[in-house]
Amino acid sequence: ATLNAQSTDWVYYTSTNGSNLPTFTKVDGQGATITAVEFSSTITVGGITYGSMGSDDILLIKVTPAGDVAWSKHIASVNDVWVGSLAIDAGDRIYLRFAVSGFNTTVMADDTLLTVPSDQNARSLMIRVSPTGDVDRARVGSIGYAITAAGDEIYALSTGTPGTVLQKWNSDLQLISSITLGTLQMLSSAIAVNPAGYIAIAGSELNLDSMEIQGTPVPN
């Protein structure tokens, strides 16, 4: 394949007096760019300055095809929050999966207050953001680490005990189905679904001595 140099239509900069780490970027069906940024201290986007509540917060930014900031959403807690994955469905709805350190705490996702109870699994959260920037759905706990969208459905991959679990959610963040793949406990993972519905999973294994997928041992 040949790669040809293309002209740059626009470049957008954010300013910060702390750390500024873009983690995921997706493009929706209208050509807008959605970027999830982890930041500390302050960050300025579209003339608005945001201050972190804890050491690390998240800013979700939508930039139009012309390079203008359409909106930005602040996800904050007195505990650290960090991005897990980002997906956009066929209706250009945005799904941000993130996690928070600590228990018995709260997270502000724009104007939506999420309460995190004293449960290890509850520290995984997901919000749905409309194309116009409204946080209109939120879920705490039992959300996979890596997510991807296929049509109006969300596929999520989580790992822990007893192993790796594949979940399918509808666009309202209601669980449709869930299967345990086996004893794999992934340190990191990624998931994708092709137009025919085949699911691809990639990740690094935590325990190579007991690796199997749906009962079939996998050689080390």
N, C-alpha and C. Protein backbone atom coordinates (compact mmCIF):
# COMPACT_ATOMS: atom_id res chain seq x y z
N ALA A 1 0.84 -1.19 0.00
CA ALA A 1 0.00 0.00 0.00
C ALA A 1 0.88 1.25 0.00
N THR A 2 0.40 2.28 -0.65
CA THR A 2 1.15 3.53 -0.74
C THR A 2 0.45 4.60 0.09
N LEU A 3 1.21 5.27 0.93
CA LEU A 3 0.69 6.38 1.72
C LEU A 3 1.12 7.68 1.08
N ASN A 4 0.17 8.53 0.78
CA ASN A 4 0.47 9.82 0.17
C ASN A 4 0.23 10.94 1.18
N ALA A 5 1.11 11.91 1.20
CA ALA A 5 0.98 13.04 2.11
C ALA A 5 -0.28 13.83 1.80
N GLN A 6 -1.02 14.21 2.84
CA GLN A 6 -2.24 14.99 2.69
C GLN A 6 -2.04 16.35 3.35
N SER A 7 -2.84 17.32 2.92
CA SER A 7 -2.76 18.64 3.53
C SER A 7 -3.42 18.61 4.90
N THR A 8 -2.97 19.46 5.80
CA THR A 8 -3.55 19.57 7.14
C THR A 8 -4.64 20.64 7.12
N ASP A 9 -5.87 20.24 7.44
CA ASP A 9 -6.98 21.18 7.42
C ASP A 9 -6.97 22.08 8.65
N TRP A 10 -6.66 21.50 9.82
CA TRP A 10 -6.61 22.30 11.04
C TRP A 10 -5.81 21.57 12.10
N VAL A 11 -5.33 22.34 13.05
CA VAL A 11 -4.63 21.81 14.22
C VAL A 11 -5.21 22.52 15.44
N TYR A 12 -5.57 21.75 16.48
CA TYR A 12 -6.12 22.36 17.68
C TYR A 12 -5.21 22.07 18.87
N TYR A 13 -4.94 23.11 19.65
CA TYR A 13 -4.08 22.98 20.82
C TYR A 13 -4.88 23.24 22.09
N THR A 14 -4.54 22.51 23.14
CA THR A 14 -5.03 22.84 24.48
C THR A 14 -3.85 23.33 25.29
N SER A 15 -4.14 24.16 26.29
CA SER A 15 -3.07 24.66 27.15
C SER A 15 -3.31 24.17 28.57
N THR A 16 -2.23 23.88 29.29
CA THR A 16 -2.34 23.35 30.64
C THR A 16 -1.11 23.74 31.44
N ASN A 17 -1.27 23.83 32.77
CA ASN A 17 -0.10 24.03 33.62
C ASN A 17 0.21 22.75 34.41
N GLY A 18 -0.39 21.64 33.99
CA GLY A 18 -0.11 20.33 34.57
C GLY A 18 0.13 19.33 33.46
N SER A 19 -0.27 18.08 33.67
CA SER A 19 -0.14 17.07 32.63
C SER A 19 -1.38 17.10 31.75
N ASN A 20 -1.21 16.67 30.51
CA ASN A 20 -2.27 16.69 29.51
C ASN A 20 -2.04 15.49 28.61
N LEU A 21 -2.83 14.42 28.79
CA LEU A 21 -2.58 13.17 28.09
C LEU A 21 -3.81 12.73 27.30
N PRO A 22 -3.85 13.00 25.97
CA PRO A 22 -4.93 12.45 25.15
C PRO A 22 -4.82 10.92 25.13
N THR A 23 -5.92 10.23 25.39
CA THR A 23 -5.87 8.78 25.50
C THR A 23 -6.59 8.07 24.35
N PHE A 24 -7.74 8.59 23.92
CA PHE A 24 -8.48 7.99 22.82
C PHE A 24 -9.05 9.09 21.93
N THR A 25 -9.06 8.83 20.62
CA THR A 25 -9.68 9.74 19.67
C THR A 25 -10.51 8.93 18.68
N LYS A 26 -11.76 9.35 18.45
CA LYS A 26 -12.65 8.71 17.49
C LYS A 26 -13.26 9.79 16.59
N VAL A 27 -13.70 9.37 15.40
CA VAL A 27 -14.37 10.27 14.47
C VAL A 27 -15.79 9.76 14.28
N ASP A 28 -16.79 10.64 14.43
CA ASP A 28 -18.18 10.21 14.28
C ASP A 28 -18.62 10.24 12.82
N GLY A 29 -19.88 9.90 12.59
CA GLY A 29 -20.39 9.81 11.23
C GLY A 29 -20.47 11.13 10.50
N GLN A 30 -20.40 12.26 11.22
CA GLN A 30 -20.44 13.59 10.61
C GLN A 30 -19.05 14.17 10.41
N GLY A 31 -18.03 13.42 10.79
CA GLY A 31 -16.65 13.91 10.61
C GLY A 31 -16.12 14.69 11.80
N ALA A 32 -16.88 14.76 12.90
CA ALA A 32 -16.38 15.43 14.10
C ALA A 32 -15.43 14.51 14.85
N THR A 33 -14.48 15.11 15.56
CA THR A 33 -13.48 14.37 16.31
C THR A 33 -13.81 14.40 17.80
N ILE A 34 -13.82 13.23 18.42
CA ILE A 34 -14.08 13.12 19.85
C ILE A 34 -12.79 12.64 20.51
N THR A 35 -12.30 13.38 21.49
CA THR A 35 -11.05 13.03 22.16
C THR A 35 -11.26 13.02 23.67
N ALA A 36 -10.75 11.97 24.31
CA ALA A 36 -10.76 11.88 25.77
C ALA A 36 -9.36 12.20 26.28
N VAL A 37 -9.27 13.16 27.20
CA VAL A 37 -7.99 13.64 27.71
C VAL A 37 -7.95 13.45 29.22
N GLU A 38 -6.87 12.88 29.72
CA GLU A 38 -6.62 12.87 31.16
C GLU A 38 -5.73 14.08 31.49
N PHE A 39 -6.08 14.84 32.53
CA PHE A 39 -5.30 16.03 32.85
C PHE A 39 -5.22 16.23 34.35
N SER A 40 -4.22 16.96 34.77
CA SER A 40 -4.07 17.37 36.16
C SER A 40 -3.96 18.88 36.23
N SER A 41 -4.23 19.46 37.38
CA SER A 41 -4.17 20.90 37.60
C SER A 41 -5.25 21.59 36.76
N THR A 42 -4.88 22.31 35.70
CA THR A 42 -5.88 22.99 34.86
C THR A 42 -5.63 22.72 33.40
N ILE A 43 -6.71 22.85 32.63
CA ILE A 43 -6.62 22.74 31.17
C ILE A 43 -7.62 23.72 30.57
N THR A 44 -7.25 24.37 29.48
CA THR A 44 -8.11 25.35 28.81
C THR A 44 -8.47 24.84 27.43
N VAL A 45 -9.77 24.76 27.17
CA VAL A 45 -10.29 24.28 25.89
C VAL A 45 -11.43 25.20 25.46
N GLY A 46 -11.36 25.73 24.25
CA GLY A 46 -12.41 26.58 23.75
C GLY A 46 -12.66 27.81 24.60
N GLY A 47 -11.61 28.31 25.22
CA GLY A 47 -11.72 29.49 26.06
C GLY A 47 -12.21 29.23 27.47
N ILE A 48 -12.47 27.96 27.80
CA ILE A 48 -12.94 27.60 29.15
C ILE A 48 -11.81 26.86 29.86
N THR A 49 -11.53 27.26 31.10
CA THR A 49 -10.50 26.62 31.90
C THR A 49 -11.14 25.70 32.93
N TYR A 50 -10.67 24.46 32.95
CA TYR A 50 -11.17 23.46 33.90
C TYR A 50 -10.07 23.14 34.91
N GLY A 51 -10.44 22.98 36.17
CA GLY A 51 -9.51 22.61 37.21
C GLY A 51 -9.81 21.21 37.71
N SER A 52 -8.77 20.40 37.91
CA SER A 52 -8.98 19.03 38.38
C SER A 52 -9.35 19.02 39.86
N MET A 53 -10.27 18.14 40.23
CA MET A 53 -10.66 18.00 41.64
C MET A 53 -9.66 17.15 42.39
N GLY A 54 -9.15 16.12 41.74
CA GLY A 54 -8.12 15.26 42.32
C GLY A 54 -6.82 15.42 41.56
N SER A 55 -6.00 14.38 41.59
CA SER A 55 -4.74 14.45 40.85
C SER A 55 -4.99 14.40 39.35
N ASP A 56 -5.91 13.53 38.91
CA ASP A 56 -6.20 13.37 37.49
C ASP A 56 -7.69 13.36 37.26
N ASP A 57 -8.14 14.17 36.30
CA ASP A 57 -9.52 14.21 35.85
C ASP A 57 -9.56 13.88 34.36
N ILE A 58 -10.77 13.85 33.80
CA ILE A 58 -10.96 13.57 32.37
C ILE A 58 -11.72 14.71 31.74
N LEU A 59 -11.32 15.06 30.51
CA LEU A 59 -12.08 16.00 29.71
C LEU A 59 -12.40 15.33 28.37
N LEU A 60 -13.70 15.32 28.04
CA LEU A 60 -14.16 14.78 26.77
C LEU A 60 -14.46 15.95 25.85
N ILE A 61 -13.81 15.98 24.68
CA ILE A 61 -13.86 17.15 23.80
C ILE A 61 -14.37 16.74 22.42
N LYS A 62 -15.31 17.51 21.89
CA LYS A 62 -15.78 17.30 20.52
C LYS A 62 -15.38 18.50 19.68
N VAL A 63 -14.70 18.21 18.56
CA VAL A 63 -14.24 19.25 17.64
C VAL A 63 -14.90 19.02 16.29
N THR A 64 -15.47 20.06 15.71
CA THR A 64 -16.19 19.94 14.44
C THR A 64 -15.21 19.67 13.29
N PRO A 65 -15.72 19.24 12.13
CA PRO A 65 -14.83 19.04 10.98
C PRO A 65 -14.06 20.30 10.58
N ALA A 66 -14.58 21.48 10.96
CA ALA A 66 -13.89 22.74 10.66
C ALA A 66 -12.82 23.08 11.67
N GLY A 67 -12.72 22.31 12.76
CA GLY A 67 -11.70 22.57 13.78
C GLY A 67 -12.14 23.42 14.94
N ASP A 68 -13.45 23.63 15.08
CA ASP A 68 -13.98 24.43 16.19
C ASP A 68 -14.45 23.50 17.32
N VAL A 69 -14.29 23.92 18.57
CA VAL A 69 -14.75 23.14 19.69
C VAL A 69 -16.27 23.23 19.78
N ALA A 70 -16.95 22.09 19.64
CA ALA A 70 -18.41 22.06 19.75
C ALA A 70 -18.83 22.06 21.21
N TRP A 71 -18.15 21.24 22.02
CA TRP A 71 -18.40 21.19 23.46
C TRP A 71 -17.28 20.41 24.13
N SER A 72 -17.22 20.55 25.45
CA SER A 72 -16.29 19.78 26.26
C SER A 72 -16.97 19.42 27.57
N LYS A 73 -16.70 18.20 28.08
CA LYS A 73 -17.35 17.69 29.28
C LYS A 73 -16.29 17.26 30.29
N HIS A 74 -16.48 17.69 31.53
CA HIS A 74 -15.53 17.44 32.61
C HIS A 74 -16.01 16.27 33.45
N ILE A 75 -15.17 15.24 33.61
CA ILE A 75 -15.46 14.10 34.49
C ILE A 75 -14.46 14.18 35.63
N ALA A 76 -14.95 14.34 36.87
CA ALA A 76 -14.06 14.70 37.98
C ALA A 76 -14.43 13.97 39.25
N SER A 77 -13.43 13.79 40.11
CA SER A 77 -13.62 13.21 41.45
C SER A 77 -12.45 13.66 42.31
N VAL A 78 -12.65 13.62 43.63
CA VAL A 78 -11.53 13.90 44.54
C VAL A 78 -10.51 12.77 44.45
N ASN A 79 -10.96 11.58 43.98
CA ASN A 79 -10.06 10.49 43.67
C ASN A 79 -9.65 10.59 42.21
N ASP A 80 -8.58 9.89 41.83
CA ASP A 80 -8.16 9.90 40.44
C ASP A 80 -9.19 9.19 39.57
N VAL A 81 -9.41 9.72 38.37
CA VAL A 81 -10.21 9.02 37.36
C VAL A 81 -9.36 8.89 36.10
N TRP A 82 -9.53 7.77 35.42
CA TRP A 82 -8.75 7.58 34.20
C TRP A 82 -9.60 6.88 33.14
N VAL A 83 -9.24 7.14 31.89
CA VAL A 83 -10.00 6.65 30.75
C VAL A 83 -9.70 5.18 30.52
N GLY A 84 -10.78 4.40 30.26
CA GLY A 84 -10.60 3.00 29.89
C GLY A 84 -10.77 2.78 28.40
N SER A 85 -11.82 3.36 27.82
CA SER A 85 -12.07 3.17 26.39
C SER A 85 -13.13 4.15 25.92
N LEU A 86 -13.23 4.29 24.60
CA LEU A 86 -14.14 5.26 23.98
C LEU A 86 -14.75 4.61 22.75
N ALA A 87 -16.07 4.80 22.57
CA ALA A 87 -16.75 4.23 21.40
C ALA A 87 -17.83 5.19 20.93
N ILE A 88 -18.19 5.10 19.64
CA ILE A 88 -19.27 5.91 19.05
C ILE A 88 -20.16 4.96 18.26
N ASP A 89 -21.49 5.02 18.51
CA ASP A 89 -22.39 4.10 17.82
C ASP A 89 -22.91 4.70 16.52
N ALA A 90 -23.83 3.99 15.87
CA ALA A 90 -24.32 4.40 14.56
C ALA A 90 -25.11 5.70 14.62
N GLY A 91 -25.65 6.04 15.80
CA GLY A 91 -26.37 7.30 15.96
C GLY A 91 -25.50 8.44 16.45
N ASP A 92 -24.17 8.25 16.39
CA ASP A 92 -23.18 9.24 16.84
C ASP A 92 -23.25 9.51 18.34
N ARG A 93 -23.87 8.59 19.09
CA ARG A 93 -23.82 8.68 20.54
C ARG A 93 -22.45 8.19 21.02
N ILE A 94 -21.92 8.86 22.04
CA ILE A 94 -20.56 8.61 22.51
C ILE A 94 -20.63 7.85 23.83
N TYR A 95 -19.78 6.83 23.95
CA TYR A 95 -19.71 6.03 25.17
C TYR A 95 -18.30 6.13 25.72
N LEU A 96 -18.19 6.60 26.95
CA LEU A 96 -16.91 6.73 27.61
C LEU A 96 -16.89 5.79 28.80
N ARG A 97 -15.98 4.84 28.77
CA ARG A 97 -15.79 3.95 29.91
C ARG A 97 -14.59 4.47 30.68
N PHE A 98 -14.72 4.61 32.00
CA PHE A 98 -13.62 5.11 32.82
C PHE A 98 -13.66 4.45 34.18
N ALA A 99 -12.64 4.67 34.97
CA ALA A 99 -12.54 4.06 36.29
C ALA A 99 -12.13 5.13 37.29
N VAL A 100 -12.41 4.85 38.57
CA VAL A 100 -12.05 5.77 39.64
C VAL A 100 -11.31 5.00 40.72
N SER A 101 -10.31 5.62 41.29
CA SER A 101 -9.58 4.99 42.39
C SER A 101 -10.34 5.21 43.69
N GLY A 102 -10.26 4.24 44.58
CA GLY A 102 -10.92 4.38 45.87
C GLY A 102 -12.37 3.95 45.86
N PHE A 103 -12.94 3.81 47.04
CA PHE A 103 -14.32 3.38 47.22
C PHE A 103 -15.10 4.46 47.97
N ASN A 104 -16.43 4.26 48.04
CA ASN A 104 -17.31 5.19 48.77
C ASN A 104 -17.03 6.63 48.37
N THR A 105 -16.99 6.85 47.08
CA THR A 105 -16.69 8.18 46.57
C THR A 105 -17.73 8.56 45.52
N THR A 106 -17.63 9.75 44.99
CA THR A 106 -18.54 10.20 43.94
C THR A 106 -17.74 10.72 42.76
N VAL A 107 -18.39 10.68 41.59
CA VAL A 107 -17.80 11.21 40.36
C VAL A 107 -18.82 12.14 39.73
N MET A 108 -18.37 13.32 39.31
CA MET A 108 -19.23 14.24 38.57
C MET A 108 -18.92 14.10 37.08
N ALA A 109 -19.92 13.66 36.32
CA ALA A 109 -19.80 13.59 34.87
C ALA A 109 -20.63 14.73 34.29
N ASP A 110 -19.97 15.86 34.07
CA ASP A 110 -20.66 17.10 33.74
C ASP A 110 -21.59 17.44 34.90
N ASP A 111 -22.91 17.40 34.71
CA ASP A 111 -23.84 17.70 35.82
C ASP A 111 -24.45 16.44 36.43
N THR A 112 -23.95 15.27 36.04
CA THR A 112 -24.49 14.01 36.54
C THR A 112 -23.62 13.48 37.67
N LEU A 113 -24.23 13.25 38.84
CA LEU A 113 -23.49 12.74 40.00
C LEU A 113 -23.59 11.22 40.04
N LEU A 114 -22.44 10.54 40.06
CA LEU A 114 -22.38 9.08 40.13
C LEU A 114 -21.77 8.70 41.48
N THR A 115 -22.44 7.81 42.20
CA THR A 115 -21.96 7.37 43.51
C THR A 115 -21.31 6.00 43.37
N VAL A 116 -20.08 5.89 43.86
CA VAL A 116 -19.32 4.64 43.78
C VAL A 116 -19.32 3.99 45.15
N PRO A 117 -20.00 2.84 45.33
CA PRO A 117 -20.07 2.19 46.64
C PRO A 117 -18.80 1.42 46.96
N SER A 118 -18.81 0.76 48.11
CA SER A 118 -17.64 0.00 48.56
C SER A 118 -17.66 -1.38 47.90
N ASP A 119 -17.32 -1.42 46.62
CA ASP A 119 -17.36 -2.65 45.84
C ASP A 119 -16.30 -2.55 44.76
N GLN A 120 -15.40 -3.52 44.71
CA GLN A 120 -14.31 -3.49 43.73
C GLN A 120 -14.84 -3.33 42.32
N ASN A 121 -15.94 -4.05 41.98
CA ASN A 121 -16.45 -4.01 40.61
C ASN A 121 -17.14 -2.69 40.28
N ALA A 122 -17.49 -1.92 41.29
CA ALA A 122 -18.24 -0.69 41.04
C ALA A 122 -17.34 0.45 40.56
N ARG A 123 -16.05 0.26 40.60
CA ARG A 123 -15.15 1.35 40.20
C ARG A 123 -15.05 1.50 38.69
N SER A 124 -15.73 0.63 37.95
CA SER A 124 -15.81 0.74 36.50
C SER A 124 -17.12 1.44 36.14
N LEU A 125 -17.04 2.54 35.41
CA LEU A 125 -18.21 3.35 35.09
C LEU A 125 -18.28 3.61 33.59
N MET A 126 -19.51 3.90 33.11
CA MET A 126 -19.66 4.29 31.71
C MET A 126 -20.76 5.33 31.60
N ILE A 127 -20.54 6.33 30.76
CA ILE A 127 -21.56 7.32 30.46
C ILE A 127 -21.83 7.33 28.96
N ARG A 128 -23.06 7.71 28.63
CA ARG A 128 -23.41 7.94 27.23
C ARG A 128 -23.63 9.43 27.04
N VAL A 129 -23.03 9.98 26.01
CA VAL A 129 -23.13 11.41 25.72
C VAL A 129 -23.78 11.58 24.35
N SER A 130 -24.81 12.42 24.28
CA SER A 130 -25.50 12.66 23.02
C SER A 130 -24.60 13.43 22.05
N PRO A 131 -24.93 13.44 20.76
CA PRO A 131 -24.13 14.21 19.81
C PRO A 131 -24.03 15.69 20.15
N THR A 132 -25.03 16.21 20.90
CA THR A 132 -25.00 17.63 21.28
C THR A 132 -24.32 17.86 22.62
N GLY A 133 -23.82 16.78 23.25
CA GLY A 133 -23.02 16.96 24.46
C GLY A 133 -23.75 16.77 25.78
N ASP A 134 -24.94 16.18 25.76
CA ASP A 134 -25.67 15.93 27.00
C ASP A 134 -25.33 14.54 27.54
N VAL A 135 -24.97 14.45 28.83
CA VAL A 135 -24.77 13.15 29.47
C VAL A 135 -26.15 12.61 29.81
N ASP A 136 -26.67 11.67 28.98
CA ASP A 136 -28.05 11.23 29.13
C ASP A 136 -28.20 9.80 29.64
N ARG A 137 -27.10 9.08 29.80
CA ARG A 137 -27.14 7.76 30.40
C ARG A 137 -25.86 7.56 31.20
N ALA A 138 -25.96 6.82 32.30
CA ALA A 138 -24.78 6.54 33.12
C ALA A 138 -24.98 5.21 33.81
N ARG A 139 -23.88 4.49 34.00
CA ARG A 139 -23.94 3.20 34.69
C ARG A 139 -22.70 3.04 35.55
N VAL A 140 -22.90 2.52 36.75
CA VAL A 140 -21.79 2.28 37.68
C VAL A 140 -21.66 0.79 37.89
N GLY A 141 -20.46 0.26 37.68
CA GLY A 141 -20.18 -1.14 37.97
C GLY A 141 -20.50 -2.09 36.85
N SER A 142 -19.75 -3.22 36.82
CA SER A 142 -19.99 -4.33 35.89
C SER A 142 -19.85 -3.93 34.43
N ILE A 143 -18.99 -2.98 34.16
CA ILE A 143 -18.73 -2.55 32.80
C ILE A 143 -17.35 -3.03 32.39
N GLY A 144 -17.26 -3.59 31.19
CA GLY A 144 -15.97 -4.07 30.71
C GLY A 144 -14.96 -2.96 30.52
N TYR A 145 -13.69 -3.34 30.52
CA TYR A 145 -12.63 -2.34 30.39
C TYR A 145 -12.55 -1.79 28.97
N ALA A 146 -12.47 -2.70 27.99
CA ALA A 146 -12.40 -2.28 26.59
C ALA A 146 -13.79 -2.33 25.99
N ILE A 147 -14.19 -1.29 25.24
CA ILE A 147 -15.50 -1.27 24.62
C ILE A 147 -15.37 -0.90 23.14
N THR A 148 -16.36 -1.34 22.36
CA THR A 148 -16.46 -0.95 20.97
C THR A 148 -17.93 -0.93 20.60
N ALA A 149 -18.29 -0.20 19.55
CA ALA A 149 -19.67 -0.09 19.11
C ALA A 149 -19.83 -0.81 17.77
N ALA A 150 -20.97 -1.48 17.61
CA ALA A 150 -21.35 -2.11 16.35
C ALA A 150 -22.82 -1.80 16.13
N GLY A 151 -23.12 -0.90 15.20
CA GLY A 151 -24.48 -0.42 15.05
C GLY A 151 -24.88 0.36 16.28
N ASP A 152 -25.99 -0.07 16.91
CA ASP A 152 -26.46 0.58 18.14
C ASP A 152 -26.16 -0.26 19.37
N GLU A 153 -25.27 -1.23 19.25
CA GLU A 153 -24.92 -2.09 20.38
C GLU A 153 -23.47 -1.86 20.79
N ILE A 154 -23.22 -2.08 22.08
CA ILE A 154 -21.90 -1.90 22.65
C ILE A 154 -21.38 -3.25 23.13
N TYR A 155 -20.16 -3.57 22.72
CA TYR A 155 -19.49 -4.79 23.19
C TYR A 155 -18.39 -4.37 24.18
N ALA A 156 -18.35 -5.09 25.30
CA ALA A 156 -17.40 -4.74 26.36
C ALA A 156 -16.65 -5.99 26.80
N LEU A 157 -15.39 -5.79 27.15
CA LEU A 157 -14.54 -6.88 27.59
C LEU A 157 -14.03 -6.55 28.98
N SER A 158 -14.26 -7.45 29.93
CA SER A 158 -13.77 -7.23 31.30
C SER A 158 -12.98 -8.45 31.73
N THR A 159 -12.09 -8.25 32.70
CA THR A 159 -11.27 -9.35 33.17
C THR A 159 -11.20 -9.32 34.69
N GLY A 160 -11.05 -10.48 35.27
CA GLY A 160 -11.00 -10.60 36.73
C GLY A 160 -11.22 -12.04 37.12
N THR A 161 -12.03 -12.28 38.14
CA THR A 161 -12.36 -13.63 38.57
C THR A 161 -13.78 -13.96 38.12
N PRO A 162 -14.02 -15.06 37.39
CA PRO A 162 -13.11 -16.17 37.12
C PRO A 162 -12.22 -16.01 35.91
N GLY A 163 -12.39 -14.98 35.13
CA GLY A 163 -11.57 -14.81 33.93
C GLY A 163 -12.08 -13.65 33.11
N THR A 164 -12.00 -13.80 31.79
CA THR A 164 -12.41 -12.72 30.89
C THR A 164 -13.88 -12.90 30.49
N VAL A 165 -14.65 -11.82 30.57
CA VAL A 165 -16.08 -11.84 30.28
C VAL A 165 -16.37 -10.90 29.11
N LEU A 166 -17.13 -11.40 28.14
CA LEU A 166 -17.57 -10.59 27.00
C LEU A 166 -19.03 -10.23 27.21
N GLN A 167 -19.34 -8.93 27.13
CA GLN A 167 -20.69 -8.44 27.37
C GLN A 167 -21.21 -7.73 26.12
N LYS A 168 -22.52 -7.78 25.94
CA LYS A 168 -23.18 -6.99 24.90
C LYS A 168 -24.25 -6.13 25.57
N TRP A 169 -24.21 -4.83 25.30
CA TRP A 169 -25.14 -3.86 25.89
C TRP A 169 -25.92 -3.17 24.77
N ASN A 170 -27.14 -2.72 25.07
CA ASN A 170 -27.84 -1.89 24.10
C ASN A 170 -27.46 -0.43 24.31
N SER A 171 -27.99 0.43 23.48
CA SER A 171 -27.58 1.84 23.53
C SER A 171 -28.04 2.56 24.79
N ASP A 172 -28.99 1.97 25.53
CA ASP A 172 -29.44 2.56 26.79
C ASP A 172 -28.65 2.02 27.98
N LEU A 173 -27.54 1.32 27.70
CA LEU A 173 -26.65 0.75 28.71
C LEU A 173 -27.35 -0.31 29.55
N GLN A 174 -28.20 -1.09 28.88
CA GLN A 174 -28.84 -2.25 29.49
C GLN A 174 -28.16 -3.51 28.96
N LEU A 175 -27.80 -4.42 29.86
CA LEU A 175 -27.08 -5.62 29.48
C LEU A 175 -27.99 -6.57 28.70
N ILE A 176 -27.52 -6.99 27.51
CA ILE A 176 -28.27 -7.93 26.67
C ILE A 176 -27.82 -9.36 26.95
N SER A 177 -26.51 -9.57 26.94
CA SER A 177 -25.98 -10.91 27.16
C SER A 177 -24.56 -10.82 27.67
N SER A 178 -24.10 -11.93 28.25
CA SER A 178 -22.74 -11.98 28.81
C SER A 178 -22.25 -13.41 28.78
N ILE A 179 -21.00 -13.63 28.36
CA ILE A 179 -20.42 -14.97 28.38
C ILE A 179 -19.01 -14.89 28.97
N THR A 180 -18.64 -15.94 29.69
CA THR A 180 -17.28 -16.04 30.21
C THR A 180 -16.44 -16.81 29.20
N LEU A 181 -15.36 -16.19 28.74
CA LEU A 181 -14.53 -16.80 27.71
C LEU A 181 -13.60 -17.86 28.28
N GLY A 182 -13.19 -17.73 29.51
CA GLY A 182 -12.30 -18.71 30.11
C GLY A 182 -11.49 -18.11 31.24
N THR A 183 -10.33 -18.68 31.48
CA THR A 183 -9.52 -18.31 32.63
C THR A 183 -8.54 -17.18 32.33
N LEU A 184 -8.57 -16.65 31.11
CA LEU A 184 -7.65 -15.55 30.81
C LEU A 184 -7.92 -14.37 31.73
N GLN A 185 -6.87 -13.80 32.30
CA GLN A 185 -6.97 -12.56 33.07
C GLN A 185 -6.02 -11.57 32.43
N MET A 186 -6.59 -10.68 31.61
CA MET A 186 -5.78 -9.80 30.78
C MET A 186 -5.34 -8.57 31.54
N LEU A 187 -4.05 -8.22 31.37
CA LEU A 187 -3.54 -6.97 31.92
C LEU A 187 -4.05 -5.79 31.11
N SER A 188 -4.17 -5.97 29.81
CA SER A 188 -4.71 -4.94 28.93
C SER A 188 -5.43 -5.64 27.80
N SER A 189 -6.38 -4.95 27.17
CA SER A 189 -7.16 -5.62 26.15
C SER A 189 -7.73 -4.61 25.16
N ALA A 190 -8.12 -5.14 24.00
CA ALA A 190 -8.78 -4.35 22.97
C ALA A 190 -9.80 -5.24 22.29
N ILE A 191 -10.86 -4.66 21.77
CA ILE A 191 -11.92 -5.42 21.14
C ILE A 191 -12.42 -4.68 19.92
N ALA A 192 -12.79 -5.44 18.87
CA ALA A 192 -13.34 -4.85 17.65
C ALA A 192 -14.36 -5.82 17.07
N VAL A 193 -15.35 -5.29 16.36
CA VAL A 193 -16.39 -6.09 15.71
C VAL A 193 -16.45 -5.68 14.24
N ASN A 194 -16.36 -6.66 13.33
CA ASN A 194 -16.41 -6.32 11.91
C ASN A 194 -17.86 -6.31 11.42
N PRO A 195 -18.12 -5.83 10.18
CA PRO A 195 -19.51 -5.72 9.70
C PRO A 195 -20.27 -7.04 9.67
N ALA A 196 -19.55 -8.16 9.59
CA ALA A 196 -20.22 -9.47 9.58
C ALA A 196 -20.56 -9.96 10.98
N GLY A 197 -20.13 -9.23 12.01
CA GLY A 197 -20.43 -9.60 13.38
C GLY A 197 -19.37 -10.42 14.07
N TYR A 198 -18.25 -10.66 13.40
CA TYR A 198 -17.16 -11.39 14.05
C TYR A 198 -16.42 -10.47 15.02
N ILE A 199 -16.08 -11.01 16.18
CA ILE A 199 -15.46 -10.23 17.24
C ILE A 199 -13.99 -10.59 17.35
N ALA A 200 -13.13 -9.59 17.36
CA ALA A 200 -11.69 -9.78 17.53
C ALA A 200 -11.28 -9.23 18.89
N ILE A 201 -10.49 -10.01 19.62
CA ILE A 201 -10.03 -9.63 20.94
C ILE A 201 -8.51 -9.75 20.99
N ALA A 202 -7.87 -8.74 21.53
CA ALA A 202 -6.42 -8.78 21.72
C ALA A 202 -6.11 -8.36 23.14
N GLY A 203 -5.08 -8.97 23.72
CA GLY A 203 -4.72 -8.59 25.08
C GLY A 203 -3.49 -9.33 25.54
N SER A 204 -2.98 -8.94 26.71
CA SER A 204 -1.84 -9.62 27.32
C SER A 204 -2.33 -10.43 28.50
N GLU A 205 -1.84 -11.66 28.63
CA GLU A 205 -2.31 -12.60 29.65
C GLU A 205 -1.57 -12.40 30.96
N LEU A 206 -2.33 -12.43 32.06
CA LEU A 206 -1.75 -12.24 33.39
C LEU A 206 -1.10 -13.51 33.92
N ASN A 207 -1.74 -14.66 33.69
CA ASN A 207 -1.24 -15.93 34.24
C ASN A 207 -1.12 -16.95 33.11
N LEU A 208 0.09 -17.14 32.61
CA LEU A 208 0.29 -18.03 31.48
C LEU A 208 0.20 -19.51 31.85
N ASP A 209 0.14 -19.84 33.13
CA ASP A 209 0.10 -21.23 33.54
C ASP A 209 -1.30 -21.82 33.51
N SER A 210 -2.33 -20.98 33.39
CA SER A 210 -3.70 -21.50 33.42
C SER A 210 -4.55 -20.80 32.37
N MET A 211 -4.11 -20.88 31.13
CA MET A 211 -4.72 -20.12 30.05
C MET A 211 -5.63 -21.02 29.23
N GLU A 212 -6.94 -20.66 29.19
CA GLU A 212 -7.87 -21.42 28.34
C GLU A 212 -8.97 -20.48 27.89
N ILE A 213 -9.59 -20.85 26.76
CA ILE A 213 -10.72 -20.10 26.24
C ILE A 213 -11.89 -21.06 26.08
N GLN A 214 -12.97 -20.85 26.84
CA GLN A 214 -14.17 -21.68 26.82
C GLN A 214 -13.80 -23.17 26.92
N GLY A 215 -12.94 -23.48 27.89
CA GLY A 215 -12.59 -24.86 28.16
C GLY A 215 -11.46 -25.44 27.33
N THR A 216 -10.98 -24.71 26.33
CA THR A 216 -9.91 -25.19 25.48
C THR A 216 -8.58 -24.58 25.92
N PRO A 217 -7.62 -25.42 26.37
CA PRO A 217 -6.31 -24.87 26.79
C PRO A 217 -5.62 -24.15 25.63
N VAL A 218 -4.96 -23.07 25.94
CA VAL A 218 -4.20 -22.30 24.95
C VAL A 218 -2.72 -22.47 25.28
N PRO A 219 -1.90 -22.93 24.31
CA PRO A 219 -0.47 -23.12 24.61
C PRO A 219 0.22 -21.81 24.93
N ASN A 220 1.18 -21.85 25.88
CA ASN A 220 1.90 -20.66 26.29
C ASN A 220 2.80 -20.17 25.16
